[in-house]
Protein backbone atom coordinates (compact mmCIF):
# COMPACT_ATOMS: atom_id res chain seq x y z
CA MET A 1 -13.88 35.28 24.85
CA GLN A 2 -12.36 32.96 27.43
CA GLY A 3 -9.27 34.02 29.35
CA HIS A 4 -6.91 31.78 31.27
CA ILE A 5 -5.20 32.36 34.60
CA LEU A 6 -2.41 30.07 35.73
CA PHE A 7 -2.38 30.38 39.50
CA ALA A 8 0.68 29.59 41.62
CA HIS A 9 1.92 30.25 45.14
CA GLY A 10 4.60 32.89 44.59
CA SER A 11 8.13 33.39 45.88
CA ARG A 12 10.56 36.17 46.75
CA ASP A 13 13.01 34.64 44.27
CA PRO A 14 12.27 36.14 40.83
CA GLN A 15 13.66 33.05 39.07
CA TRP A 16 11.00 30.90 40.73
CA ARG A 17 8.29 32.19 38.38
CA GLN A 18 10.12 31.19 35.18
CA PRO A 19 8.44 27.76 34.84
CA MET A 20 4.99 29.30 35.33
CA GLU A 21 5.71 31.94 32.71
CA ALA A 22 6.99 29.20 30.36
CA VAL A 23 3.70 27.32 30.75
CA ALA A 24 1.82 30.56 30.06
CA GLN A 25 3.83 31.11 26.88
CA ARG A 26 3.11 27.58 25.67
CA LEU A 27 -0.59 28.09 26.34
CA ARG A 28 -0.51 31.36 24.37
CA GLU A 29 1.08 29.49 21.46
CA GLN A 30 -1.55 26.75 21.62
CA ARG A 31 -4.46 29.19 22.04
CA PRO A 32 -3.51 32.46 20.35
CA ASP A 33 -7.15 33.58 20.50
CA ALA A 34 -7.31 33.37 24.32
CA PRO A 35 -5.49 35.80 26.63
CA VAL A 36 -3.38 34.22 29.36
CA ARG A 37 -2.11 35.60 32.66
CA CYS A 38 -0.17 34.20 35.57
CA ALA A 39 -1.34 35.11 39.08
CA TYR A 40 0.17 34.44 42.45
CA LEU A 41 -1.18 33.96 45.95
CA GLU A 42 1.59 35.87 47.68
CA LEU A 43 5.10 37.32 47.38
CA THR A 44 4.83 37.76 43.59
CA ALA A 45 2.76 40.07 41.41
CA PRO A 46 0.21 40.07 39.95
CA ASP A 47 -2.32 38.69 42.38
CA LEU A 48 -5.49 36.93 41.24
CA PRO A 49 -7.80 40.00 41.30
CA THR A 50 -5.32 42.00 39.22
CA ALA A 51 -4.88 39.26 36.62
CA ALA A 52 -8.65 38.77 36.38
CA ALA A 53 -9.24 42.52 35.98
CA GLU A 54 -6.71 42.63 33.14
CA LEU A 55 -8.42 39.77 31.30
CA ILE A 56 -11.86 41.30 31.78
CA ALA A 57 -10.57 44.66 30.51
CA GLU A 58 -9.42 42.81 27.37
CA GLY A 59 -12.94 41.47 26.87
CA ALA A 60 -12.92 38.09 28.61
CA ARG A 61 -16.43 37.00 29.62
CA SER A 62 -15.27 33.72 31.07
CA VAL A 63 -12.07 33.01 32.97
CA ARG A 64 -10.60 29.56 33.55
CA ILE A 65 -8.32 29.39 36.60
CA THR A 66 -5.83 26.53 36.70
CA PRO A 67 -3.88 26.02 39.95
CA LEU A 68 -0.28 25.09 39.23
CA PHE A 69 0.05 23.05 42.42
CA LEU A 70 1.21 19.45 42.58
CA GLY A 71 -1.28 18.70 45.34
CA THR A 72 -4.50 20.06 46.71
CA GLY A 73 -3.21 21.54 49.94
CA LYS A 74 -4.69 24.31 52.03
CA HIS A 75 -4.09 27.02 49.44
CA ALA A 76 -5.87 25.13 46.64
CA ARG A 77 -8.53 23.66 48.92
CA GLU A 78 -9.39 26.67 51.09
CA ASP A 79 -7.75 29.94 50.03
CA LEU A 80 -8.28 29.79 46.28
CA PRO A 81 -12.05 29.03 46.36
CA VAL A 82 -12.55 32.08 48.60
CA LEU A 83 -10.64 34.26 46.14
CA VAL A 84 -12.66 32.91 43.22
CA GLU A 85 -15.93 33.58 45.05
CA GLN A 86 -14.78 37.16 45.63
CA LEU A 87 -14.18 37.48 41.88
CA ARG A 88 -17.66 36.13 41.16
CA GLN A 89 -19.12 38.74 43.49
CA ALA A 90 -17.05 41.55 41.94
CA TYR A 91 -17.81 40.50 38.34
CA PRO A 92 -21.27 38.89 38.26
CA ASN A 93 -21.38 38.97 34.44
CA VAL A 94 -18.20 36.92 34.09
CA ALA A 95 -18.14 33.13 34.39
CA PHE A 96 -15.22 31.92 36.50
CA SER A 97 -14.28 28.24 36.45
CA LEU A 98 -11.79 26.75 38.89
CA GLN A 99 -9.94 23.68 37.69
CA ALA A 100 -8.37 20.98 39.85
CA ALA A 101 -4.71 21.37 40.76
CA VAL A 102 -2.55 20.17 37.87
CA GLY A 103 -0.91 17.61 40.16
CA GLU A 104 -4.25 15.81 40.41
CA ASP A 105 -4.16 15.00 36.68
CA PRO A 106 -2.97 11.43 36.01
CA ARG A 107 -1.25 12.59 32.81
CA LEU A 108 1.06 14.87 34.79
CA LEU A 109 1.71 12.17 37.37
CA ASP A 110 2.67 9.76 34.57
CA LEU A 111 5.01 12.35 33.06
CA ILE A 112 6.69 13.02 36.40
CA ALA A 113 7.17 9.29 36.94
CA ARG A 114 8.73 8.96 33.47
CA ILE A 115 11.08 11.88 34.11
CA ALA A 116 12.10 10.41 37.48
CA SER A 117 12.80 7.00 35.94
CA GLU A 118 15.07 8.29 33.18
């Protein structure tokens, strides 16, 4: 079974996480067979190791991590790969894949441009 983690920065403001949770809910609706978790780098729980552990406890043998960042800044470029490597070391029998930041996808860029132009 493949699990999904939507990874974001985190914030002290609890309302900040609502869009990430909304994306997670849409993914659950699209893929009811695949468990989904949100994880956050800082200031918000759960963190990446906790979300991964939950998915693995549910039976996930592969985990796809999607950074919900508009750009590939320091967190996506440097911090996140280190965290993923730590997961690979902790769970050698689980395949972890790290996707590009969603803001690198031309489809999202087109959608943002359309929203801005309306």
